[in-house]
Protein backbone atom coordinates (compact mmCIF):
# COMPACT_ATOMS: atom_id res chain seq x y z
CA MET A 1 -25.97 30.42 -47.33
CA GLN A 2 -25.76 26.73 -48.13
CA ASN A 3 -28.08 24.11 -46.70
CA LEU A 4 -26.48 21.57 -44.43
CA PHE A 5 -27.41 17.97 -43.72
CA CYS A 6 -27.58 16.03 -40.47
CA LEU A 7 -24.44 13.91 -40.21
CA ARG A 8 -26.37 10.97 -38.76
CA CYS A 9 -29.64 10.76 -40.74
CA ASN A 10 -28.76 12.99 -43.72
CA ARG A 11 -31.94 15.10 -43.23
CA GLU A 12 -31.61 18.50 -44.89
CA LEU A 13 -31.24 21.36 -42.41
CA GLY A 14 -32.38 24.49 -44.17
CA SER A 15 -31.28 27.98 -43.29
CA GLY A 16 -32.60 28.85 -39.84
CA SER A 17 -33.51 25.25 -38.99
CA LYS A 18 -33.10 24.07 -35.43
CA SER A 19 -29.99 21.92 -35.10
CA VAL A 20 -26.85 21.28 -33.08
CA ALA A 21 -23.58 22.28 -34.72
CA VAL A 22 -20.22 20.89 -33.68
CA TYR A 23 -17.25 22.89 -34.96
CA LEU A 24 -14.05 20.95 -35.45
CA PHE A 25 -10.60 22.35 -36.08
CA ALA A 26 -7.02 21.46 -35.19
CA GLN A 27 -4.19 23.69 -34.02
CA THR A 28 -0.60 22.99 -33.06
CA VAL A 29 0.48 23.87 -29.53
CA GLY A 30 4.08 24.64 -28.61
CA VAL A 31 5.22 24.40 -32.22
CA ARG A 32 6.35 27.44 -34.15
CA PRO A 33 5.06 28.54 -36.55
CA ARG A 34 1.60 27.70 -35.27
CA GLN A 35 -0.55 25.83 -37.73
CA LYS A 36 -4.34 25.82 -37.84
CA SER A 37 -6.70 23.78 -39.92
CA SER A 38 -9.85 25.21 -41.39
CA ALA A 39 -12.93 24.74 -39.22
CA GLN A 40 -15.54 22.20 -40.23
CA ARG A 41 -19.16 22.52 -39.17
CA ILE A 42 -20.85 19.21 -38.37
CA CYS A 43 -24.60 19.39 -37.81
CA PHE A 44 -27.15 17.13 -36.15
CA CYS A 45 -30.94 17.52 -36.33
CA PRO A 46 -32.74 17.76 -32.97
CA GLN A 47 -33.97 14.15 -33.14
CA CYS A 48 -30.48 12.75 -33.76
CA SER A 49 -28.98 15.00 -31.07
CA VAL A 50 -31.41 13.71 -28.46
CA SER A 51 -31.02 10.14 -29.68
CA LEU A 52 -27.22 10.35 -29.53
CA ALA A 53 -27.29 11.89 -26.05
CA MET A 54 -29.62 9.22 -24.68
CA GLY A 55 -27.63 6.32 -26.11
CA PRO A 56 -24.37 4.74 -25.02
CA PRO A 57 -21.10 6.55 -25.76
CA PRO A 58 -19.60 5.77 -29.15
CA GLU A 59 -16.16 4.24 -29.61
CA GLY A 60 -13.10 6.44 -29.99
CA ALA A 61 -11.78 9.36 -27.94
CA LEU A 62 -12.88 12.08 -30.38
CA ASN A 63 -16.37 10.60 -30.69
CA ILE A 64 -16.71 10.40 -26.91
CA ALA A 65 -15.65 14.05 -26.52
CA ALA A 66 -18.29 15.18 -29.04
CA TRP A 67 -20.91 12.88 -27.44
CA LYS A 68 -20.26 14.40 -24.01
CA MET A 69 -20.75 17.92 -25.40
CA ILE A 70 -24.03 16.96 -27.09
CA ARG A 71 -25.21 15.12 -23.97
CA ASP A 72 -24.50 18.19 -21.82
CA MET A 73 -26.44 20.42 -24.22
CA VAL A 74 -29.44 18.08 -24.36
CA SER A 75 -29.62 17.75 -20.57
CA ALA A 76 -29.07 21.46 -19.83
CA ASP A 77 -32.30 22.83 -21.31
CA PRO A 78 -35.54 21.17 -22.49
CA ALA A 79 -35.66 23.36 -25.63
CA LEU A 80 -33.73 20.88 -27.78
CA ASN A 81 -35.96 17.98 -26.67
CA GLU A 82 -39.03 20.08 -27.44
CA ALA A 83 -37.66 20.87 -30.92
CA ALA A 84 -37.16 17.15 -31.57
CA TRP A 85 -40.76 16.39 -30.52
CA GLU A 86 -42.11 19.28 -32.62
CA ASP A 87 -40.50 17.85 -35.75
CA LEU A 88 -41.83 14.37 -34.98
CA ARG A 89 -45.36 15.72 -34.43
CA GLY A 90 -45.15 17.31 -37.87
CA VAL A 91 -45.24 13.83 -39.41
CA GLU A 92 -48.95 13.20 -39.83
CA GLY A 93 -50.31 10.88 -37.14
CA LEU A 94 -46.89 9.76 -35.88
CA LEU A 95 -47.18 11.28 -32.40
CA PRO A 96 -50.30 12.65 -30.72
CA GLU A 97 -50.21 15.97 -28.89
CA ALA A 98 -49.36 15.77 -25.17
CA GLU A 99 -52.81 17.16 -24.33
CA GLU A 100 -54.46 14.27 -26.20
CA GLN A 101 -52.52 11.75 -24.12
CA ASN A 102 -53.34 13.45 -20.79
CA LEU A 103 -49.66 13.16 -19.87
CA PRO A 104 -47.50 15.87 -18.28
CA ARG A 105 -44.90 17.49 -20.53
CA ALA A 106 -41.37 16.12 -20.23
CA ALA A 107 -38.94 18.10 -18.08
CA GLY A 108 -36.07 17.71 -20.54
CA PHE A 109 -34.72 14.24 -19.89
CA ILE A 110 -35.84 10.76 -18.90
CA GLU A 111 -34.36 9.05 -15.88
CA PHE A 112 -34.32 5.26 -15.67
């Protein structure tokens, strides 16, 4: 199995790494014979997924559709946010543990 890279930051996503995959393919509708493109797998690391979901929508209809899907995934379950924080804590001294800060753990999203 080949290693993939995050589309946004180009971080290598090894086999079994936590990530968000967007599959993209095209298919004709109402046209015979039906044509299908091959599927492309586009991956985002947890940090970029959360960052994209929290930011403003990008320009372009296709980009907005993908952004909405990622946003829905990020807001549906705190697991992706936790994965992003785990990776950031792995960088020595970048983020302290939640227990060290005496702060409650995040519920999955931040509301402004």
